[in-house]
Protein backbone atom coordinates (compact mmCIF):
# COMPACT_ATOMS: atom_id res chain seq x y z
CA UNK A 1 -25.03 174.85 175.29
CA UNK A 2 -22.95 175.57 172.36
CA UNK A 3 -19.89 176.29 174.51
CA UNK A 4 -20.23 172.89 176.27
CA UNK A 5 -20.33 171.03 172.83
CA UNK A 6 -17.36 172.78 171.42
CA UNK A 7 -15.38 172.44 174.73
CA UNK A 8 -16.40 168.62 174.37
CA UNK A 9 -15.56 168.35 170.94
CA UNK A 10 -12.36 169.97 171.73
CA UNK A 11 -11.06 167.82 174.38
CA UNK A 12 -12.17 164.91 172.28
CA UNK A 13 -10.08 165.84 169.58
CA UNK A 14 -7.29 166.59 172.09
CA UNK A 15 -7.56 162.85 173.29
CA UNK A 16 -7.78 161.38 170.21
CA UNK A 17 -4.31 163.22 169.11
CA UNK A 18 -2.78 162.17 172.30
CA UNK A 19 -3.76 158.76 171.87
CA UNK A 20 -2.58 158.51 168.15
CA UNK A 21 0.72 160.14 169.20
CA UNK A 22 1.37 157.40 171.56
CA UNK A 23 0.06 154.66 169.25
CA UNK A 24 2.41 155.92 166.70
CA UNK A 25 5.37 156.24 168.98
CA UNK A 26 4.78 152.59 170.11
CA UNK A 27 4.66 151.34 166.94
CA UNK A 28 7.61 153.00 165.10
CA UNK A 29 10.14 153.07 167.79
CA UNK A 30 10.24 149.63 169.44
CA UNK A 31 9.35 148.22 166.29
CA UNK A 32 12.73 149.35 164.37
CA UNK A 33 14.43 148.55 167.61
CA UNK A 34 13.21 145.00 167.81
CA UNK A 35 13.99 144.53 164.30
CA UNK A 36 17.38 145.66 164.70
CA UNK A 37 17.82 143.41 167.61
CA UNK A 38 16.39 140.32 165.63
CA UNK A 39 18.82 141.36 162.76
CA UNK A 40 21.81 141.62 164.82
CA UNK A 41 20.74 138.19 166.41
CA UNK A 42 20.14 136.67 162.86
CA UNK A 43 23.87 137.99 161.71
CA UNK A 44 25.39 136.56 164.81
CA UNK A 45 23.91 133.04 164.32
CA UNK A 46 24.69 133.12 160.70
CA UNK A 47 28.39 134.12 161.45
CA UNK A 48 28.47 131.38 164.18
CA UNK A 49 27.17 128.64 161.62
CA UNK A 50 29.59 129.82 159.23
CA UNK A 51 32.72 129.45 161.27
CA UNK A 52 31.47 126.29 162.23
CA UNK A 53 31.24 124.97 158.47
CA UNK A 54 34.72 126.72 158.05
CA UNK A 55 36.07 124.84 160.99
CA UNK A 56 34.73 121.48 159.57
CA UNK A 57 36.09 122.01 156.11
CA UNK A 58 39.55 122.76 157.42
CA UNK A 59 39.57 119.72 159.46
CA UNK A 60 38.87 117.73 156.61
CA UNK A 61 41.54 119.36 154.53
CA UNK A 62 43.98 119.27 157.64
CA UNK A 63 43.32 115.32 157.84
CA UNK A 64 43.51 114.73 154.11
CA UNK A 65 47.13 116.57 154.12
CA UNK A 66 48.08 114.45 157.27
CA UNK A 67 46.87 111.27 155.22
CA UNK A 68 49.59 112.06 152.58
CA UNK A 69 52.23 112.11 154.94
CA UNK A 70 51.30 108.76 156.32
CA UNK A 71 50.51 109.06 159.77
CA UNK A 72 48.47 106.52 161.56
CA UNK A 73 44.80 106.62 160.63
CA UNK A 74 43.93 106.31 164.52
CA UNK A 75 45.53 109.54 165.32
CA UNK A 76 44.27 111.35 162.11
CA UNK A 77 40.63 110.41 163.25
CA UNK A 78 41.46 111.52 166.99
CA UNK A 79 42.88 114.83 165.84
CA UNK A 80 39.58 115.31 163.17
CA UNK A 81 37.23 114.43 165.90
CA UNK A 82 38.88 116.65 168.41
CA UNK A 83 38.77 119.80 165.95
CA UNK A 84 35.23 119.01 165.01
CA UNK A 85 34.15 118.86 169.05
CA UNK A 86 36.02 122.14 169.61
CA UNK A 87 34.13 123.53 166.65
CA UNK A 88 30.74 122.37 168.01
CA UNK A 89 31.48 123.68 171.36
CA UNK A 90 32.33 127.00 169.61
CA UNK A 91 28.99 127.05 167.88
CA UNK A 92 26.90 126.50 170.91
CA UNK A 93 29.03 129.41 172.76
CA UNK A 94 28.53 131.45 169.80
CA UNK A 95 24.52 131.13 169.81
CA UNK A 96 24.65 131.36 173.68
CA UNK A 97 26.33 134.62 173.71
CA UNK A 98 23.79 135.86 170.76
CA UNK A 99 20.84 134.87 172.72
CA UNK A 100 22.05 136.70 176.10
CA UNK A 101 22.85 139.46 173.87
CA UNK A 102 19.58 139.68 172.30
CA UNK A 103 17.64 139.29 175.64
CA UNK A 104 19.65 142.10 177.07
CA UNK A 105 18.89 144.15 174.44
CA UNK A 106 15.33 143.52 174.85
CA UNK A 107 15.39 144.03 178.19
CA UNK A 108 17.16 147.44 177.59
CA UNK A 109 14.07 148.31 175.10
CA UNK A 110 11.68 147.37 177.61
CA UNK A 111 13.31 149.58 180.39
CA UNK A 112 13.54 152.39 178.15
CA UNK A 113 9.67 151.92 177.05
CA UNK A 114 8.46 151.61 180.70
CA UNK A 115 10.41 154.73 181.49
CA UNK A 116 8.83 156.54 178.71
CA UNK A 117 5.30 155.44 179.40
CA UNK A 118 5.76 156.60 183.30
């Protein structure tokens, strides 16, 4: 009887240690990877926004310089609008690329977790 209780206690301790090891692995590894994916996504979005703002400022500076040269206002406005539109397109493309990159990284992480749990 005492041998059965000891065996059950050892089995229970082994089961608990295996469960805790799986839980601690699941909590540390993916969490860190997810944080790095989120950080990379955030950096990509901030860079895209910074590039967009720089393009807008440059378009405004270019427009002011051209005004001093005496070019027609309609041409200046059209040039500024096209530069700003291009900056918007670039911003949307950068954000879309960041989303795709983050999604692919998350899918790779999921595949790695699924492979380890199998």
